[in-house]
Amino acid sequence: MSDLILLGTRKGTIIFDRINADWRPRPIAHAGIPVCYAARDPRDGTLWASLDHGHWGPKLSRSRDDGATWADLTSLKYPQGARYIVKYLPTPDFNPESPSSQPEYANASLLKIWNIAFGSAKQPGRLYAGTIPGGLFVSNDDGDNWELNKPLWNHPSRGGDLFAGDATSENQWNGTPASIDYGIFEPGIHSIIVNPHNQNHLYVAVSTAGVIESTNSGQTWQSRSRGMLNDYMPDPESEWGHDPHFVTSCKEQPEHLWQQNHCGIFYSDNGAKSWKKVSIPELGVNFGFAIAADAHDGHTAWVVPASADSARMAIDGGIFVARTSDGGQTWQTFRTGLPQHNAYDIVLRHGLDVSGDYLCFGTTTGNVYLSEDRGETWQCLGSNFPPIYSVRFG
């Protein structure tokens, strides 16, 4: 159980400290700057925040004194020659067979640092960052220097090595509305999983492409979307084009993975070799963004469901949390302490976290809720915060 909660919000970083039985927020850090993601490195306690500064662009900020002071780092940069195939939203007259539908290329520039992940205990200084447009960056010196993972960037699912010339394969990575603030629609990496038992074993999840795995520290990558269903594609079982909203795993049993997907909730108990849809729509347990997995029991996970695309808010005006303890075969729903009338909240993909028996989530309407009994009852820690992008125990 952690004594710290970090919030990344529309107007800065907010840290809660657990003092005796109370959780107390500190004065806001990075005041006025959108913070996409904030987390603590479990290896050395360093705090990290991903800033989405409207004027200076995306940056990382680091604190080595528990948040007393922060230092912004030199921004990640795509190397010269990094290109990708631009994907536009389909229009009524879109024709993939016409010459105008042939690949159009764009030079990559950093639009958003969407999340941060930490290497294993045997990898001091190793950090990962997922970006829009679809880059995985790696640092081996605690964030002072970063390098683009080119095997993933040059993957055949993206058109091949565009550093060397034009596309040699079809681009299967589509865009995500998460970058819509910029007036664009580009792919993004929002989930990075490092196997705590094998530092060379990685997963990333891409909106919109799917789940991708490396077993050799990012030298090669392969799709891991078998069993996932995308009900708005011509081929729902296609290998590519899936939209996982967030993917996570059980720390002690990393072969158990969970994802909240645009098209439902999916679970794997074999290291993502295959997935099974475990939604129960009649309970409202289907659409949403965030999902959290128990650290010890791979069969246990939590979601905060929402109504689907047309509304994207709490279902029927009430917030509830759902928990499964049997790999998604059954779900329990919990509402005690959560508003059940006139609630318009939604929880974004990084907005839910678990630590022991404690769970916490934050909403787009600035509400923060905490449970101390594995999600069965809840208390509100505050209801006047900025819109919340991420919640992480420290």
Protein backbone atom coordinates (compact mmCIF):
# COMPACT_ATOMS: atom_id res chain seq x y z
CA MET A 1 0.00 0.00 0.00
CA SER A 2 1.38 3.37 -1.04
CA ASP A 3 1.38 6.63 0.91
CA LEU A 4 1.45 8.79 -2.23
CA ILE A 5 -0.93 9.45 -5.13
CA LEU A 6 0.14 11.45 -8.19
CA LEU A 7 -2.40 13.13 -10.45
CA GLY A 8 -1.66 14.42 -13.91
CA THR A 9 -4.27 17.08 -14.63
CA ARG A 10 -5.28 19.66 -17.21
CA LYS A 11 -3.60 22.37 -15.10
CA GLY A 12 -0.64 20.70 -13.41
CA THR A 13 0.61 17.90 -11.16
CA ILE A 14 -1.14 17.26 -7.85
CA ILE A 15 0.34 15.00 -5.17
CA PHE A 16 -1.66 13.51 -2.31
CA ASP A 17 0.16 12.39 0.85
CA ARG A 18 -1.33 9.87 3.25
CA ILE A 19 -0.97 11.34 6.75
CA ASN A 20 -2.37 9.02 9.39
CA ALA A 21 -5.82 8.16 8.02
CA ASP A 22 -6.17 11.24 5.80
CA TRP A 23 -5.08 11.99 2.24
CA ARG A 24 -3.98 15.62 1.83
CA PRO A 25 -3.16 17.34 -1.46
CA ARG A 26 -0.04 19.47 -1.79
CA PRO A 27 0.02 22.78 -3.67
CA ILE A 28 -0.11 22.18 -7.40
CA ALA A 29 3.13 21.75 -9.36
CA HIS A 30 3.54 22.74 -13.03
CA ALA A 31 0.64 25.12 -12.43
CA GLY A 32 -1.35 25.88 -15.57
CA ILE A 33 0.41 23.26 -17.73
CA PRO A 34 -1.41 20.12 -18.92
CA VAL A 35 0.24 16.99 -17.49
CA CYS A 36 -0.54 13.90 -19.58
CA TYR A 37 1.00 11.45 -17.14
CA ALA A 38 2.71 11.51 -13.74
CA ALA A 39 4.33 8.56 -11.96
CA ARG A 40 7.02 7.57 -9.47
CA ASP A 41 9.96 5.36 -10.42
CA PRO A 42 9.72 2.43 -7.96
CA ARG A 43 13.47 1.82 -8.21
CA ASP A 44 14.73 5.11 -6.81
CA GLY A 45 11.67 7.24 -5.97
CA THR A 46 12.19 9.80 -8.75
CA LEU A 47 8.96 11.55 -9.75
CA TRP A 48 8.20 12.06 -13.43
CA ALA A 49 5.66 14.20 -15.25
CA SER A 50 4.91 14.47 -18.95
CA LEU A 51 4.08 18.09 -19.77
CA ASP A 52 1.96 19.09 -22.75
CA HIS A 53 2.92 22.75 -22.78
CA GLY A 54 0.93 24.72 -25.31
CA HIS A 55 3.79 27.12 -26.09
CA TRP A 56 6.97 25.11 -25.52
CA GLY A 57 5.60 21.78 -26.66
CA PRO A 58 5.88 18.38 -24.93
CA LYS A 59 8.54 18.00 -22.25
CA LEU A 60 9.46 15.68 -19.42
CA SER A 61 9.87 17.02 -15.90
CA ARG A 62 11.78 15.20 -13.15
CA SER A 63 11.94 15.58 -9.37
CA ARG A 64 14.61 13.86 -7.28
CA ASP A 65 13.51 15.40 -3.97
CA ASP A 66 9.99 13.95 -3.68
CA GLY A 67 8.35 16.81 -5.56
CA ALA A 68 9.90 19.74 -3.67
CA THR A 69 11.54 20.94 -6.89
CA TRP A 70 11.19 19.93 -10.54
CA ALA A 71 13.56 20.22 -13.49
CA ASP A 72 12.44 20.11 -17.11
CA LEU A 73 14.55 17.95 -19.41
CA THR A 74 15.57 18.45 -23.00
CA SER A 75 12.63 17.28 -25.05
CA LEU A 76 12.62 13.95 -26.87
CA LYS A 77 13.35 14.37 -30.56
CA TYR A 78 12.72 12.18 -33.56
CA PRO A 79 15.93 11.58 -35.51
CA GLN A 80 16.44 13.24 -38.87
CA GLY A 81 14.72 11.23 -41.57
CA ALA A 82 12.02 9.79 -39.34
CA ARG A 83 8.87 9.69 -41.45
CA TYR A 84 5.51 8.02 -41.22
CA ILE A 85 2.49 7.51 -43.42
CA VAL A 86 -0.25 10.02 -42.74
CA LYS A 87 -3.65 8.48 -42.09
CA TYR A 88 -6.76 10.58 -42.43
CA LEU A 89 -10.24 9.91 -41.18
CA PRO A 90 -12.21 8.19 -43.97
CA THR A 91 -14.44 10.49 -45.98
CA PRO A 92 -17.50 9.50 -48.07
CA ASP A 93 -15.48 9.69 -51.30
CA PHE A 94 -12.44 7.83 -49.93
CA ASN A 95 -11.24 5.23 -52.46
CA PRO A 96 -8.21 3.14 -51.46
CA GLU A 97 -7.74 2.11 -55.10
CA SER A 98 -7.39 5.64 -56.45
CA PRO A 99 -3.99 7.29 -57.02
CA SER A 100 -4.88 10.01 -54.50
CA SER A 101 -5.14 7.30 -51.85
CA GLN A 102 -1.51 6.27 -52.21
CA PRO A 103 0.76 6.85 -49.19
CA GLU A 104 1.41 10.40 -48.12
CA TYR A 105 4.37 10.92 -45.83
CA ALA A 106 5.00 13.32 -42.98
CA ASN A 107 8.19 14.13 -41.11
CA ALA A 108 7.81 13.05 -37.51
CA SER A 109 7.70 15.70 -34.82
CA LEU A 110 6.83 15.18 -31.18
CA LEU A 111 3.17 15.91 -30.48
CA LYS A 112 2.64 14.28 -27.09
CA ILE A 113 4.55 12.18 -24.55
CA TRP A 114 1.63 9.99 -23.65
CA ASN A 115 3.12 7.78 -20.95
CA ILE A 116 6.30 6.77 -19.13
CA ALA A 117 7.42 3.31 -18.02
CA PHE A 118 10.36 2.13 -15.96
CA GLY A 119 12.84 -0.65 -16.61
CA SER A 120 13.33 -3.58 -14.26
CA ALA A 121 15.28 -3.48 -11.00
CA LYS A 122 18.25 -4.84 -12.97
CA GLN A 123 18.16 -1.89 -15.37
CA PRO A 124 19.06 1.26 -13.40
CA GLY A 125 18.44 4.32 -15.51
CA ARG A 126 16.28 2.53 -18.12
CA LEU A 127 13.11 4.43 -19.01
CA TYR A 128 10.57 4.14 -21.80
CA ALA A 129 8.27 6.81 -23.23
CA GLY A 130 5.36 6.31 -25.60
CA THR A 131 4.51 9.18 -27.90
CA ILE A 132 2.19 10.53 -30.51
CA PRO A 133 2.88 9.94 -33.43
CA GLY A 134 3.56 6.33 -32.48
CA GLY A 135 7.14 6.35 -31.23
CA LEU A 136 8.72 4.27 -28.48
CA PHE A 137 11.68 6.11 -26.96
CA VAL A 138 14.27 4.53 -24.66
CA SER A 139 16.68 6.12 -22.19
CA ASN A 140 19.52 4.36 -20.39
CA ASP A 141 20.72 7.32 -18.34
CA ASP A 142 17.67 8.26 -16.26
CA GLY A 143 16.13 10.44 -18.92
CA ASP A 144 19.05 12.66 -19.87
CA ASN A 145 19.23 11.19 -23.38
CA TRP A 146 16.62 9.34 -25.45
CA GLU A 147 16.70 7.19 -28.57
CA LEU A 148 13.85 6.15 -30.85
CA ASN A 149 13.32 2.39 -31.06
CA LYS A 150 13.74 2.03 -34.82
CA PRO A 151 12.72 -1.65 -35.17
CA LEU A 152 9.21 -0.71 -34.02
CA TRP A 153 9.15 2.55 -35.97
CA ASN A 154 10.28 0.70 -39.12
CA HIS A 155 7.98 -2.29 -38.59
CA PRO A 156 6.31 -3.71 -41.73
CA SER A 157 2.93 -2.87 -40.18
CA ARG A 158 3.88 0.80 -40.60
CA GLY A 159 5.13 0.55 -44.17
CA GLY A 160 8.68 -0.62 -43.49
CA ASP A 161 11.88 1.40 -43.23
CA LEU A 162 10.90 4.87 -44.37
CA PHE A 163 14.36 6.17 -43.51
CA ALA A 164 15.55 4.20 -46.54
CA GLY A 165 12.83 5.21 -48.99
CA ASP A 166 9.15 4.82 -49.77
CA ALA A 167 6.86 2.26 -48.17
CA THR A 168 7.45 -1.40 -48.95
CA SER A 169 4.32 -2.64 -47.15
CA GLU A 170 0.86 -1.40 -46.22
CA ASN A 171 0.51 0.89 -43.23
CA GLN A 172 -1.76 -0.70 -40.61
CA TRP A 173 -1.41 1.99 -37.91
CA ASN A 174 -4.38 4.35 -37.82
CA GLY A 175 -4.91 7.56 -35.90
CA THR A 176 -6.29 8.35 -32.47
CA PRO A 177 -8.53 11.27 -31.43
CA ALA A 178 -6.28 11.71 -28.38
CA SER A 179 -4.24 14.11 -30.49
CA ILE A 180 -7.28 15.94 -31.82
CA ASP A 181 -6.31 19.11 -29.90
CA TYR A 182 -3.67 19.60 -32.54
CA GLY A 183 -6.14 19.25 -35.39
CA ILE A 184 -4.57 15.96 -36.46
CA PHE A 185 -5.30 12.26 -36.20
CA GLU A 186 -2.14 10.20 -35.61
CA PRO A 187 -1.27 6.86 -33.93
CA GLY A 188 -0.03 6.84 -30.36
CA ILE A 189 1.61 4.47 -27.86
CA HIS A 190 -0.21 4.73 -24.54
CA SER A 191 0.70 1.46 -22.78
CA ILE A 192 4.17 0.03 -22.13
CA ILE A 193 4.64 -3.13 -20.06
CA VAL A 194 8.03 -4.38 -18.88
CA ASN A 195 7.98 -7.97 -17.63
CA PRO A 196 9.39 -7.73 -14.09
CA HIS A 197 10.76 -11.29 -14.38
CA ASN A 198 12.40 -10.75 -17.79
CA GLN A 199 13.71 -7.28 -18.61
CA ASN A 200 13.97 -8.13 -22.31
CA HIS A 201 10.25 -8.86 -22.57
CA LEU A 202 8.09 -5.87 -23.53
CA TYR A 203 4.58 -5.12 -24.68
CA VAL A 204 3.26 -1.90 -26.16
CA ALA A 205 -0.30 -1.00 -27.08
CA VAL A 206 -1.11 1.38 -29.89
CA SER A 207 -4.17 3.40 -30.72
CA THR A 208 -4.94 2.41 -33.34
CA ALA A 209 -3.02 -0.75 -34.23
CA GLY A 210 -3.20 -3.31 -31.39
CA VAL A 211 -0.88 -5.03 -28.93
CA ILE A 212 2.73 -5.66 -29.98
CA GLU A 213 5.35 -7.77 -28.19
CA SER A 214 9.15 -7.95 -28.11
CA THR A 215 11.09 -10.72 -26.39
CA ASN A 216 14.54 -9.32 -27.16
CA SER A 217 14.51 -5.85 -25.65
CA GLY A 218 12.93 -4.19 -28.68
CA GLN A 219 15.13 -5.62 -31.44
CA THR A 220 12.14 -7.31 -33.10
CA TRP A 221 8.38 -7.00 -32.64
CA GLN A 222 5.33 -9.14 -33.42
CA SER A 223 1.58 -8.58 -33.28
CA ARG A 224 -0.27 -10.01 -30.30
CA SER A 225 -3.90 -9.29 -31.17
CA ARG A 226 -5.26 -12.79 -31.80
CA GLY A 227 -8.74 -13.12 -30.29
CA MET A 228 -9.32 -9.37 -30.16
CA LEU A 229 -12.44 -8.24 -32.02
CA ASN A 230 -13.02 -4.92 -33.72
CA ASP A 231 -16.71 -4.72 -34.53
CA TYR A 232 -16.48 -1.68 -36.80
CA MET A 233 -13.87 -3.14 -39.18
CA PRO A 234 -14.73 -5.16 -42.31
CA ASP A 235 -12.80 -8.05 -40.76
CA PRO A 236 -13.38 -7.93 -36.97
CA GLU A 237 -10.58 -10.49 -36.44
CA SER A 238 -7.96 -8.65 -38.48
CA GLU A 239 -4.41 -8.87 -37.14
CA TRP A 240 -4.05 -5.07 -37.12
CA GLY A 241 -6.25 -2.03 -36.62
CA HIS A 242 -7.47 -2.74 -33.08
CA ASP A 243 -8.00 0.03 -30.55
CA PRO A 244 -6.91 -1.02 -27.06
CA HIS A 245 -7.61 1.92 -24.76
CA PHE A 246 -5.22 0.67 -22.07
CA VAL A 247 -3.33 -2.57 -21.47
CA THR A 248 -1.84 -3.75 -18.18
CA SER A 249 -0.59 -6.95 -16.55
CA CYS A 250 -0.35 -8.66 -13.18
CA LYS A 251 3.11 -7.91 -11.74
CA GLU A 252 3.63 -11.29 -10.08
CA GLN A 253 1.91 -13.26 -12.85
CA PRO A 254 2.81 -11.26 -15.98
CA GLU A 255 1.37 -13.88 -18.32
CA HIS A 256 -2.02 -12.50 -17.22
CA LEU A 257 -2.82 -9.35 -19.22
CA TRP A 258 -5.91 -7.17 -19.29
CA GLN A 259 -7.13 -4.51 -21.66
CA GLN A 260 -10.00 -2.08 -21.82
CA ASN A 261 -10.63 -1.89 -25.54
CA HIS A 262 -12.84 0.33 -27.65
CA CYS A 263 -14.88 -2.79 -28.40
CA GLY A 264 -14.97 -4.34 -24.93
CA ILE A 265 -12.83 -5.84 -22.18
CA PHE A 266 -10.27 -8.49 -23.13
CA TYR A 267 -8.20 -10.87 -21.01
CA SER A 268 -5.22 -13.14 -21.73
CA ASP A 269 -3.77 -15.81 -19.46
CA ASN A 270 -1.03 -16.91 -21.86
CA GLY A 271 1.15 -13.85 -22.32
CA ALA A 272 -1.05 -12.26 -25.04
CA LYS A 273 -0.69 -15.23 -27.38
CA SER A 274 -4.48 -15.03 -27.49
CA TRP A 275 -7.20 -12.85 -25.99
CA LYS A 276 -10.75 -13.53 -24.85
CA LYS A 277 -13.53 -10.97 -24.71
CA VAL A 278 -14.92 -10.91 -21.17
CA SER A 279 -17.45 -8.08 -21.33
CA ILE A 280 -20.92 -8.41 -19.82
CA PRO A 281 -22.89 -5.63 -21.56
CA GLU A 282 -26.09 -6.34 -19.65
CA LEU A 283 -24.22 -5.25 -16.48
CA GLY A 284 -22.82 -2.20 -18.24
CA VAL A 285 -19.36 -3.80 -18.15
CA ASN A 286 -18.11 -3.29 -21.68
CA PHE A 287 -16.98 0.13 -22.89
CA GLY A 288 -14.49 2.32 -21.05
CA PHE A 289 -10.88 3.47 -21.02
CA ALA A 290 -9.09 2.52 -17.80
CA ILE A 291 -8.37 -0.93 -16.36
CA ALA A 292 -6.26 -2.03 -13.38
CA ALA A 293 -4.93 -5.50 -12.55
CA ASP A 294 -4.19 -6.94 -9.14
CA ALA A 295 -0.45 -7.23 -8.48
CA HIS A 296 -0.66 -10.76 -7.05
CA ASP A 297 -3.67 -12.48 -8.63
CA GLY A 298 -3.78 -12.40 -12.42
CA HIS A 299 -7.47 -13.30 -12.47
CA THR A 300 -8.48 -10.06 -10.69
CA ALA A 301 -9.05 -6.71 -12.38
CA TRP A 302 -11.14 -3.53 -12.08
CA VAL A 303 -12.80 -1.19 -14.60
CA VAL A 304 -14.84 2.01 -14.39
CA PRO A 305 -17.37 1.55 -17.21
CA ALA A 306 -18.82 4.32 -19.34
CA SER A 307 -21.47 4.70 -21.98
CA ALA A 308 -20.15 4.16 -25.48
CA ASP A 309 -19.13 6.49 -28.26
CA SER A 310 -22.26 8.59 -28.63
CA ALA A 311 -22.09 9.96 -25.07
CA ARG A 312 -18.84 8.93 -23.35
CA MET A 313 -20.00 9.62 -19.82
CA ALA A 314 -21.20 7.74 -16.76
CA ILE A 315 -23.88 5.18 -17.55
CA ASP A 316 -27.40 6.48 -16.78
CA GLY A 317 -25.96 9.29 -14.66
CA GLY A 318 -24.28 7.02 -12.10
CA ILE A 319 -20.66 5.99 -11.57
CA PHE A 320 -19.78 2.43 -10.62
CA VAL A 321 -16.70 0.24 -10.45
CA ALA A 322 -16.70 -3.38 -11.59
CA ARG A 323 -14.37 -6.11 -10.33
CA THR A 324 -13.73 -9.65 -11.51
CA SER A 325 -11.85 -12.31 -9.56
CA ASP A 326 -12.18 -15.16 -12.05
CA GLY A 327 -10.64 -13.89 -15.24
CA GLY A 328 -13.74 -12.04 -16.40
CA GLN A 329 -16.20 -14.93 -16.19
CA THR A 330 -18.25 -12.91 -13.67
CA TRP A 331 -18.18 -9.28 -12.54
CA GLN A 332 -19.36 -7.54 -9.37
CA THR A 333 -20.43 -3.91 -9.46
CA PHE A 334 -19.90 -1.44 -6.61
CA ARG A 335 -21.56 1.95 -6.14
CA THR A 336 -21.36 2.81 -2.42
CA GLY A 337 -19.85 6.28 -2.02
CA LEU A 338 -20.08 7.11 -5.73
CA PRO A 339 -22.64 9.54 -7.22
CA GLN A 340 -25.66 7.84 -8.75
CA HIS A 341 -27.53 10.85 -10.15
CA ASN A 342 -26.54 13.60 -12.58
CA ALA A 343 -22.96 12.34 -12.94
CA TYR A 344 -21.28 13.09 -16.26
CA ASP A 345 -17.79 11.89 -15.38
CA ILE A 346 -15.56 9.68 -17.45
CA VAL A 347 -12.26 8.09 -16.44
CA LEU A 348 -9.49 8.34 -19.04
CA ARG A 349 -7.12 5.48 -19.87
CA HIS A 350 -4.49 6.34 -17.23
CA GLY A 351 -7.04 7.52 -14.67
CA LEU A 352 -7.32 4.36 -12.49
CA ASP A 353 -4.69 2.63 -10.34
CA VAL A 354 -4.42 -0.04 -7.64
CA SER A 355 -1.98 -0.56 -4.77
CA GLY A 356 -2.70 -3.49 -2.48
CA ASP A 357 -6.29 -3.11 -1.29
CA TYR A 358 -6.35 0.57 -2.29
CA LEU A 359 -7.80 1.86 -5.55
CA CYS A 360 -8.03 5.42 -6.80
CA PHE A 361 -9.51 7.02 -9.90
CA GLY A 362 -9.93 10.56 -11.17
CA THR A 363 -12.43 11.91 -13.68
CA THR A 364 -12.66 14.45 -16.43
CA THR A 365 -14.89 16.59 -14.22
CA GLY A 366 -12.19 16.88 -11.54
CA ASN A 367 -13.44 14.34 -9.00
CA VAL A 368 -11.04 11.98 -7.17
CA TYR A 369 -12.32 8.82 -5.50
CA LEU A 370 -10.49 6.39 -3.21
CA SER A 371 -11.35 2.88 -2.01
CA GLU A 372 -9.57 1.13 0.84
CA ASP A 373 -11.40 -2.21 0.46
CA ARG A 374 -10.61 -3.35 -3.08
CA GLY A 375 -13.24 -1.19 -4.71
CA GLU A 376 -16.29 -2.14 -2.67
CA THR A 377 -16.82 1.27 -1.01
CA TRP A 378 -15.53 4.71 -1.98
CA GLN A 379 -14.83 8.15 -0.56
CA CYS A 380 -14.33 11.41 -2.45
CA LEU A 381 -10.93 13.06 -1.92
CA GLY A 382 -12.01 16.24 -3.70
CA SER A 383 -14.34 17.50 -6.40
CA ASN A 384 -12.86 20.77 -7.64
CA PHE A 385 -9.67 19.60 -9.32
CA PRO A 386 -8.85 20.22 -12.98
CA PRO A 387 -9.80 17.48 -15.44
CA ILE A 388 -7.70 14.45 -14.52
CA TYR A 389 -5.60 12.64 -17.13
CA SER A 390 -3.69 10.17 -14.96
CA VAL A 391 -3.74 8.65 -11.47
CA ARG A 392 -0.81 6.65 -10.12
CA PHE A 393 0.12 5.46 -6.63
CA GLY A 394 3.71 6.29 -5.77
